[in-house]
Protein backbone atom coordinates (compact mmCIF):
# COMPACT_ATOMS: atom_id res chain seq x y z
CA UNK A 1 115.79 15.80 51.00
CA UNK A 2 112.60 15.64 53.11
CA UNK A 3 109.60 13.49 52.16
CA UNK A 4 107.40 16.58 51.86
CA UNK A 5 109.77 18.19 49.34
CA UNK A 6 109.91 14.93 47.39
CA UNK A 7 106.11 14.85 47.38
CA UNK A 8 106.02 18.41 46.02
CA UNK A 9 108.34 17.42 43.19
CA UNK A 10 106.07 14.54 42.17
CA UNK A 11 103.59 16.87 40.50
CA UNK A 12 101.22 19.76 41.11
CA UNK A 13 101.09 21.62 44.39
CA UNK A 14 97.91 21.86 46.44
CA UNK A 15 96.99 25.36 45.25
CA UNK A 16 97.17 24.28 41.61
CA UNK A 17 95.00 21.26 42.35
CA UNK A 18 92.46 23.40 44.20
CA UNK A 19 92.25 25.90 41.33
CA UNK A 20 91.70 23.15 38.77
CA UNK A 21 89.17 21.33 40.96
CA UNK A 22 87.13 24.49 41.39
CA UNK A 23 86.69 24.70 37.61
CA UNK A 24 84.38 21.70 37.86
CA UNK A 25 80.71 22.54 38.38
CA UNK A 26 79.79 19.18 39.92
CA UNK A 27 80.86 18.96 43.59
CA UNK A 28 81.28 15.17 43.36
CA UNK A 29 83.67 15.59 40.42
CA UNK A 30 85.38 18.47 42.26
CA UNK A 31 86.13 16.31 45.29
CA UNK A 32 87.08 13.31 43.17
CA UNK A 33 89.53 15.36 41.10
CA UNK A 34 91.08 16.91 44.22
CA UNK A 35 91.53 13.53 45.92
CA UNK A 36 92.98 11.83 42.81
CA UNK A 37 95.46 14.65 42.21
CA UNK A 38 96.41 14.77 45.90
CA UNK A 39 97.19 11.03 45.82
CA UNK A 40 99.19 11.42 42.59
CA UNK A 41 101.23 14.40 43.79
CA UNK A 42 101.47 16.23 47.11
CA UNK A 43 100.52 13.37 49.45
CA UNK A 44 103.56 12.14 51.38
CA UNK A 45 101.81 8.95 52.56
CA UNK A 46 103.37 8.97 56.03
CA UNK A 47 100.11 9.11 58.00
CA UNK A 48 97.19 6.67 58.03
CA UNK A 49 94.45 9.35 57.71
CA UNK A 50 95.88 10.38 54.32
CA UNK A 51 97.36 7.14 53.03
CA UNK A 52 94.32 4.98 53.79
CA UNK A 53 91.58 7.60 54.02
CA UNK A 54 92.12 9.15 50.59
CA UNK A 55 92.01 5.76 48.87
CA UNK A 56 88.72 4.93 50.55
CA UNK A 57 87.35 8.41 49.74
CA UNK A 58 88.31 7.92 46.08
CA UNK A 59 86.45 4.59 45.94
CA UNK A 60 83.37 6.13 47.58
CA UNK A 61 83.40 9.15 45.25
CA UNK A 62 83.75 6.91 42.18
CA UNK A 63 80.81 4.85 43.40
CA UNK A 64 78.70 8.00 43.81
CA UNK A 65 79.74 9.55 40.47
CA UNK A 66 78.99 6.32 38.58
CA UNK A 67 75.96 5.35 40.67
CA UNK A 68 77.36 1.87 41.15
CA UNK A 69 75.42 -0.93 42.78
CA UNK A 70 75.11 -0.46 46.53
CA UNK A 71 75.64 3.31 46.52
CA UNK A 72 73.87 4.89 49.48
CA UNK A 73 73.94 7.85 51.91
CA UNK A 74 76.49 5.86 53.93
CA UNK A 75 79.05 6.66 51.20
CA UNK A 76 78.56 10.38 51.80
CA UNK A 77 78.87 9.89 55.56
CA UNK A 78 82.06 7.87 55.06
CA UNK A 79 83.59 10.68 53.00
CA UNK A 80 82.65 13.17 55.70
CA UNK A 81 84.25 10.94 58.36
CA UNK A 82 87.43 10.52 56.31
CA UNK A 83 87.77 14.27 55.75
CA UNK A 84 87.27 14.96 59.47
CA UNK A 85 89.92 12.37 60.35
CA UNK A 86 92.34 13.99 57.91
CA UNK A 87 91.80 17.41 59.47
CA UNK A 88 92.40 16.04 62.96
CA UNK A 89 95.01 13.36 62.37
CA UNK A 90 97.15 14.29 59.36
CA UNK A 91 100.80 15.03 60.13
CA UNK A 92 101.14 17.76 57.54
CA UNK A 93 99.25 20.89 56.49
CA UNK A 94 98.56 19.43 53.03
CA UNK A 95 96.60 16.52 54.47
CA UNK A 96 94.61 18.82 56.75
CA UNK A 97 93.90 21.25 53.87
CA UNK A 98 92.72 18.39 51.66
CA UNK A 99 90.34 17.25 54.41
CA UNK A 100 89.00 20.80 54.74
CA UNK A 101 88.46 21.12 50.99
CA UNK A 102 86.50 17.86 50.86
CA UNK A 103 84.34 18.56 53.89
CA UNK A 104 83.63 22.18 52.87
CA UNK A 105 82.61 21.10 49.36
CA UNK A 106 80.33 18.48 50.88
CA UNK A 107 78.78 20.96 53.33
CA UNK A 108 78.03 23.47 50.56
CA UNK A 109 76.59 20.88 48.18
CA UNK A 110 74.73 18.35 50.30
CA UNK A 111 71.71 18.39 47.98
CA UNK A 112 73.89 17.65 44.93
CA UNK A 113 75.39 14.63 46.67
CA UNK A 114 71.93 13.39 47.63
CA UNK A 115 70.75 13.69 44.02
CA UNK A 116 73.74 11.63 42.90
CA UNK A 117 72.69 8.93 45.35
CA UNK A 118 69.32 8.96 43.55
CA UNK A 119 71.05 8.63 40.18
CA UNK A 120 71.15 12.21 38.86
CA UNK A 121 73.98 14.68 38.32
CA UNK A 122 72.40 18.16 38.41
CA UNK A 123 75.52 19.78 36.88
CA UNK A 124 75.65 17.14 34.10
CA UNK A 125 79.34 16.29 34.50
CA UNK A 126 79.20 12.65 35.68
CA UNK A 127 79.18 10.76 32.39
CA UNK A 128 77.48 7.65 33.80
CA UNK A 129 74.50 9.77 34.83
CA UNK A 130 73.94 11.74 31.62
CA UNK A 131 73.02 11.12 27.99
CA UNK A 132 73.54 13.15 24.82
CA UNK A 133 70.36 13.33 22.74
CA UNK A 134 69.44 15.10 19.49
CA UNK A 135 66.45 17.40 19.61
CA UNK A 136 64.65 16.76 16.27
CA UNK A 137 62.99 20.19 16.40
CA UNK A 138 66.40 21.90 16.28
CA UNK A 139 68.28 19.43 14.07
CA UNK A 140 68.79 20.67 10.47
CA UNK A 141 70.25 17.29 9.39
CA UNK A 142 73.57 18.77 8.28
CA UNK A 143 75.49 15.66 9.38
CA UNK A 144 78.31 17.56 11.13
CA UNK A 145 77.75 15.65 14.39
CA UNK A 146 78.03 12.32 12.60
CA UNK A 147 81.24 13.39 10.86
CA UNK A 148 82.81 14.47 14.16
CA UNK A 149 82.01 11.24 16.05
CA UNK A 150 85.01 8.89 16.25
CA UNK A 151 82.94 6.12 17.78
CA UNK A 152 80.20 5.77 15.13
CA UNK A 153 77.63 6.54 17.80
CA UNK A 154 75.45 8.75 15.60
CA UNK A 155 73.13 7.32 12.95
CA UNK A 156 71.01 9.23 10.45
CA UNK A 157 70.98 10.65 6.93
CA UNK A 158 72.26 14.02 5.83
CA UNK A 159 69.68 16.21 4.14
CA UNK A 160 70.08 16.46 0.35
CA UNK A 161 68.25 18.74 -2.06
CA UNK A 162 65.15 17.33 -3.77
CA UNK A 163 65.10 14.19 -1.60
CA UNK A 164 62.73 13.24 1.20
CA UNK A 165 62.18 10.45 3.71
CA UNK A 166 65.38 10.90 5.67
CA UNK A 167 66.40 8.73 8.60
CA UNK A 168 66.57 11.26 11.49
CA UNK A 169 69.83 11.65 13.35
CA UNK A 170 70.01 9.79 16.64
CA UNK A 171 72.74 9.01 19.18
CA UNK A 172 73.22 5.34 20.06
CA UNK A 173 73.72 5.47 23.81
CA UNK A 174 75.68 2.21 24.10
CA UNK A 175 78.34 3.55 21.74
CA UNK A 176 78.40 7.16 22.99
CA UNK A 177 81.37 8.04 25.22
CA UNK A 178 80.05 11.53 26.14
CA UNK A 179 83.20 13.13 24.70
CA UNK A 180 81.25 16.24 23.65
CA UNK A 181 82.74 16.61 20.15
CA UNK A 182 79.29 16.54 18.52
CA UNK A 183 78.10 19.36 20.77
CA UNK A 184 81.00 21.55 19.64
CA UNK A 185 80.21 21.23 15.91
CA UNK A 186 76.40 21.41 15.98
CA UNK A 187 75.41 24.80 14.46
CA UNK A 188 71.93 24.90 16.01
CA UNK A 189 72.50 23.55 19.53
CA UNK A 190 70.36 20.51 18.73
CA UNK A 191 72.43 18.15 20.88
CA UNK A 192 71.25 18.34 24.45
CA UNK A 193 72.67 16.80 27.62
CA UNK A 194 70.07 15.25 29.89
CA UNK A 195 70.35 13.63 33.29
CA UNK A 196 69.22 10.08 32.71
CA UNK A 197 67.29 9.75 35.95
CA UNK A 198 65.17 12.92 35.84
CA UNK A 199 65.09 14.66 32.47
CA UNK A 200 64.82 11.55 30.29
CA UNK A 201 61.17 11.21 31.37
CA UNK A 202 60.48 14.87 30.60
CA UNK A 203 61.97 14.60 27.09
CA UNK A 204 60.07 11.39 26.29
CA UNK A 205 56.80 13.02 27.32
CA UNK A 206 57.19 16.08 25.09
C-alpha cells in the first residue's frame, strides 16, 4: 500500500478539511485549522517543504492567534514563504494544495493578519484576543448565565421580588474560558464579545 493511501486512511481528506476550515470567519484560525488537520491526516511527510514547513507554520500561526511575546510581521512573512515553498517543492498534490490554501487565505486577509499582530482579532474567534463581558443595560439579572458556567467565572446576584441592592453580574476574566455557554442561554443578548485591544477602551468609555 502506498504512503499516500496510508495518509488518506489516517483521517479526513483535503476537501473535508478545506470545507471545515472555511466555516471559520477568522483567517488566522482558518489557516491554523487547515495546517493542524493536514498534519494529523493527509500529510505523507516524505518531503521537507511539508514535513518541516507545516510544523513551523503551525508554530507561527499559534503565536499570531495568541499574540505571544515576540510576535511580529516576520511571522506573517515566514508563513507566506513556507506556503510558497510547499507549492514549489512538495512531492504530492496535497502538499501543493495546502500551500495554495494558506497563501490565498493570507492574500485575501492581509489586514486581518496585521490586526492580529497588533493584538486584535476582528472576527472575534481567537480566544486569547477577546473577552466576554456583560452589558448592564441589557442584563435582566435572571442568573441563567451563572447557572450555565462550569468554571464559576460569573459573579452576581439573581433578581428577587421585593429586594434591592443586587450585586450586578460580571464575568471574571481570569476564570473565563470563552466557551460561549453563557451567550447561548442569555435571553436578552447581554453578553457581548469584545476584542481586548480595541473595543475594551470603547466599552470602558461609555
